[in-house]
Amino acid sequence: MPAACLYAHESFINGYPHTTQALANGIARANRWLQAAGPGDIIKAVPKSYLLGNRSLYIDAFMAAKGSLSPDGSFPARGANTAFRALASVDDKLAAARLDLSALYTNTSVERANARYPLG
C-alpha cells in the first residue's frame, strides 16, 4: 500500500519541474539511506519526540516495517490497484468508477533521481 509519497497536482509538476525533481531526489536518497541504516543510525536521525519515550519500541517497530519501504523511491505498479481496492471497499461511488490507474501516478522524477544518484 503506497504511503509517505509525494503528492502534487499536475499543474505544480509542470509549473515547477526543478522543485519537483529536487523533492524526488531527496525522497529517493532518503529511502536508499534508510535501507542501509542500522538502529543506531535511525536513533541519531529521528527527532526525540517521535520515539514517544520508548527508544527500543520505536526501533523494533521501524526495523520490522523497514522491508516495506521502497528501496529506490519508486511507486510500484500494483500499488495503485492496492490503494484503489482499499478505498473502493468503503466508497461505493469509487467502487463503481472505471479508472486508468496507470494515469494517476508517475515514477519519472524518481527514475531521474536514481539515474543521478545510482544505487550502491
C-alpha atoms as a PDB file:
ATOM      1  CA  MET A   1       0.000   0.000   0.000  1.00  0.00           C
ATOM      2  CA  PRO A   2       1.828   3.116  -1.144  1.00  0.00           C
ATOM      3  CA  ALA A   3       2.143   5.773   1.523  1.00  0.00           C
ATOM      4  CA  ALA A   4       4.511   8.533   2.533  1.00  0.00           C
ATOM      5  CA  CYS A   5       4.985   9.546  -1.062  1.00  0.00           C
ATOM      6  CA  LEU A   6       4.944  12.923  -2.748  1.00  0.00           C
ATOM      7  CA  TYR A   7       1.557  14.127  -3.904  1.00  0.00           C
ATOM      8  CA  ALA A   8       1.345  17.010  -6.342  1.00  0.00           C
ATOM      9  CA  HIS A   9      -1.169  18.364  -8.780  1.00  0.00           C
ATOM     10  CA  GLU A  10      -0.091  18.062 -12.402  1.00  0.00           C
ATOM     11  CA  SER A  11      -0.035  21.867 -12.713  1.00  0.00           C
ATOM     12  CA  PHE A  12       2.564  22.051  -9.924  1.00  0.00           C
ATOM     13  CA  ILE A  13       4.702  19.332 -11.502  1.00  0.00           C
ATOM     14  CA  ASN A  14       4.578  21.075 -14.878  1.00  0.00           C
ATOM     15  CA  GLY A  15       4.985  24.571 -13.408  1.00  0.00           C
ATOM     16  CA  TYR A  16       7.855  23.753 -11.059  1.00  0.00           C
ATOM     17  CA  PRO A  17       9.828  20.924 -12.634  1.00  0.00           C
ATOM     18  CA  HIS A  18      13.085  21.744 -10.807  1.00  0.00           C
ATOM     19  CA  THR A  19      11.363  21.806  -7.415  1.00  0.00           C
ATOM     20  CA  THR A  20       9.542  18.580  -8.244  1.00  0.00           C
ATOM     21  CA  GLN A  21      12.821  16.932  -9.206  1.00  0.00           C
ATOM     22  CA  ALA A  22      14.609  18.195  -6.095  1.00  0.00           C
ATOM     23  CA  LEU A  23      11.870  16.720  -3.898  1.00  0.00           C
ATOM     24  CA  ALA A  24      12.074  13.387  -5.718  1.00  0.00           C
ATOM     25  CA  ASN A  25      15.870  13.407  -5.382  1.00  0.00           C
ATOM     26  CA  GLY A  26      15.540  13.883  -1.629  1.00  0.00           C
ATOM     27  CA  ILE A  27      12.990  11.105  -1.203  1.00  0.00           C
ATOM     28  CA  ALA A  28      14.953   8.640  -3.344  1.00  0.00           C
ATOM     29  CA  ARG A  29      18.182   9.368  -1.476  1.00  0.00           C
ATOM     30  CA  ALA A  30      16.444   9.160   1.912  1.00  0.00           C
ATOM     31  CA  ASN A  31      14.876   5.813   1.032  1.00  0.00           C
ATOM     32  CA  ARG A  32      18.256   4.493  -0.024  1.00  0.00           C
ATOM     33  CA  TRP A  33      19.806   5.746   3.241  1.00  0.00           C
ATOM     34  CA  LEU A  34      17.035   4.059   5.242  1.00  0.00           C
ATOM     35  CA  GLN A  35      17.740   0.740   3.519  1.00  0.00           C
ATOM     36  CA  ALA A  36      21.369   0.835   4.692  1.00  0.00           C
ATOM     37  CA  ALA A  37      20.757   2.422   8.106  1.00  0.00           C
ATOM     38  CA  GLY A  38      21.078   0.420  11.263  1.00  0.00           C
ATOM     39  CA  PRO A  39      19.256   1.012  14.549  1.00  0.00           C
ATOM     40  CA  GLY A  40      21.936   3.416  15.799  1.00  0.00           C
ATOM     41  CA  ASP A  41      21.734   5.498  12.625  1.00  0.00           C
ATOM     42  CA  ILE A  42      17.965   5.707  12.888  1.00  0.00           C
ATOM     43  CA  ILE A  43      18.026   6.790  16.538  1.00  0.00           C
ATOM     44  CA  LYS A  44      20.505   9.562  15.725  1.00  0.00           C
ATOM     45  CA  ALA A  45      18.347  10.885  12.874  1.00  0.00           C
ATOM     46  CA  VAL A  46      14.836  10.653  14.354  1.00  0.00           C
ATOM     47  CA  PRO A  47      13.592  13.545  16.488  1.00  0.00           C
ATOM     48  CA  LYS A  48      13.335  12.508  20.132  1.00  0.00           C
ATOM     49  CA  SER A  49       9.608  13.340  20.218  1.00  0.00           C
ATOM     50  CA  TYR A  50       8.960  10.605  17.611  1.00  0.00           C
ATOM     51  CA  LEU A  51      10.286   7.975  19.995  1.00  0.00           C
ATOM     52  CA  LEU A  52       7.381   8.658  22.395  1.00  0.00           C
ATOM     53  CA  GLY A  53       9.614   7.875  25.348  1.00  0.00           C
ATOM     54  CA  ASN A  54      10.448   4.340  24.233  1.00  0.00           C
ATOM     55  CA  ARG A  55      13.518   4.114  22.008  1.00  0.00           C
ATOM     56  CA  SER A  56      13.645   0.332  21.839  1.00  0.00           C
ATOM     57  CA  LEU A  57       9.962   0.013  20.888  1.00  0.00           C
ATOM     58  CA  TYR A  58      10.406   2.622  18.143  1.00  0.00           C
ATOM     59  CA  ILE A  59      13.460   0.839  16.744  1.00  0.00           C
ATOM     60  CA  ASP A  60      11.792  -2.584  16.912  1.00  0.00           C
ATOM     61  CA  ALA A  61       8.731  -1.241  15.077  1.00  0.00           C
ATOM     62  CA  PHE A  62      10.806   0.569  12.472  1.00  0.00           C
ATOM     63  CA  MET A  63      13.061  -2.401  11.798  1.00  0.00           C
ATOM     64  CA  ALA A  64      10.001  -4.659  11.413  1.00  0.00           C
ATOM     65  CA  ALA A  65       8.465  -2.242   8.879  1.00  0.00           C
ATOM     66  CA  LYS A  66      11.714  -1.366   7.070  1.00  0.00           C
ATOM     67  CA  GLY A  67      11.246  -4.068   4.441  1.00  0.00           C
ATOM     68  CA  SER A  68       8.020  -2.454   3.272  1.00  0.00           C
ATOM     69  CA  LEU A  69       9.806   0.750   2.252  1.00  0.00           C
ATOM     70  CA  SER A  70      10.607   1.311  -1.389  1.00  0.00           C
ATOM     71  CA  PRO A  71      14.362   0.810  -1.713  1.00  0.00           C
ATOM     72  CA  ASP A  72      14.622   3.293  -4.567  1.00  0.00           C
ATOM     73  CA  GLY A  73      11.625   5.564  -4.003  1.00  0.00           C
ATOM     74  CA  SER A  74       9.549   4.242  -6.883  1.00  0.00           C
ATOM     75  CA  PHE A  75       5.811   3.679  -6.774  1.00  0.00           C
ATOM     76  CA  PRO A  76       5.048   0.020  -7.513  1.00  0.00           C
ATOM     77  CA  ALA A  77       2.694  -0.670 -10.415  1.00  0.00           C
ATOM     78  CA  ARG A  78       0.479  -2.834  -8.207  1.00  0.00           C
ATOM     79  CA  GLY A  79       0.376  -0.095  -5.561  1.00  0.00           C
ATOM     80  CA  ALA A  80      -2.276   1.945  -7.343  1.00  0.00           C
ATOM     81  CA  ASN A  81      -4.532  -1.091  -7.559  1.00  0.00           C
ATOM     82  CA  THR A  82      -3.982  -1.905  -3.875  1.00  0.00           C
ATOM     83  CA  ALA A  83      -4.899   1.642  -2.859  1.00  0.00           C
ATOM     84  CA  PHE A  84      -7.916   1.669  -5.187  1.00  0.00           C
ATOM     85  CA  ARG A  85      -9.264  -1.614  -3.788  1.00  0.00           C
ATOM     86  CA  ALA A  86      -8.829  -0.390  -0.208  1.00  0.00           C
ATOM     87  CA  LEU A  87     -10.658   2.878  -0.880  1.00  0.00           C
ATOM     88  CA  ALA A  88     -13.328   1.216  -3.021  1.00  0.00           C
ATOM     89  CA  SER A  89     -14.134  -1.149  -0.173  1.00  0.00           C
ATOM     90  CA  VAL A  90     -15.533   1.802   1.801  1.00  0.00           C
ATOM     91  CA  ASP A  91     -16.808   4.044  -1.019  1.00  0.00           C
ATOM     92  CA  ASP A  92     -19.481   2.689  -3.366  1.00  0.00           C
ATOM     93  CA  LYS A  93     -19.061   5.535  -5.873  1.00  0.00           C
ATOM     94  CA  LEU A  94     -15.366   4.844  -6.131  1.00  0.00           C
ATOM     95  CA  ALA A  95     -16.002   1.111  -6.398  1.00  0.00           C
ATOM     96  CA  ALA A  96     -18.194   1.766  -9.448  1.00  0.00           C
ATOM     97  CA  ALA A  97     -15.614   4.018 -11.105  1.00  0.00           C
ATOM     98  CA  ARG A  98     -13.556   2.813 -14.034  1.00  0.00           C
ATOM     99  CA  LEU A  99     -10.147   4.416 -13.829  1.00  0.00           C
ATOM    100  CA  ASP A 100      -6.910   4.093 -15.737  1.00  0.00           C
ATOM    101  CA  LEU A 101      -4.797   3.683 -12.620  1.00  0.00           C
ATOM    102  CA  SER A 102      -1.545   3.973 -14.571  1.00  0.00           C
ATOM    103  CA  ALA A 103      -2.515   7.571 -15.394  1.00  0.00           C
ATOM    104  CA  LEU A 104      -2.710   8.506 -11.713  1.00  0.00           C
ATOM    105  CA  TYR A 105       0.982   8.329 -10.841  1.00  0.00           C
ATOM    106  CA  THR A 106       4.396   8.568 -12.395  1.00  0.00           C
ATOM    107  CA  ASN A 107       7.879   7.378 -11.485  1.00  0.00           C
ATOM    108  CA  THR A 108       9.540   9.751 -13.959  1.00  0.00           C
ATOM    109  CA  SER A 109      11.115  12.009 -11.334  1.00  0.00           C
ATOM    110  CA  VAL A 110      12.332   9.133  -9.169  1.00  0.00           C
ATOM    111  CA  GLU A 111      13.806   7.433 -12.243  1.00  0.00           C
ATOM    112  CA  ARG A 112      15.763  10.627 -12.947  1.00  0.00           C
ATOM    113  CA  ALA A 113      16.820  10.795  -9.286  1.00  0.00           C
ATOM    114  CA  ASN A 114      18.095   7.234  -9.337  1.00  0.00           C
ATOM    115  CA  ALA A 115      19.987   7.873 -12.580  1.00  0.00           C
ATOM    116  CA  ARG A 116      21.664  10.877 -10.972  1.00  0.00           C
ATOM    117  CA  TYR A 117      22.282   9.124  -7.637  1.00  0.00           C
ATOM    118  CA  PRO A 118      22.791   5.459  -8.537  1.00  0.00           C
ATOM    119  CA  LEU A 119      22.083   2.710  -6.049  1.00  0.00           C
ATOM    120  CA  GLY A 120      25.007   1.111  -4.343  1.00  0.00           C
END
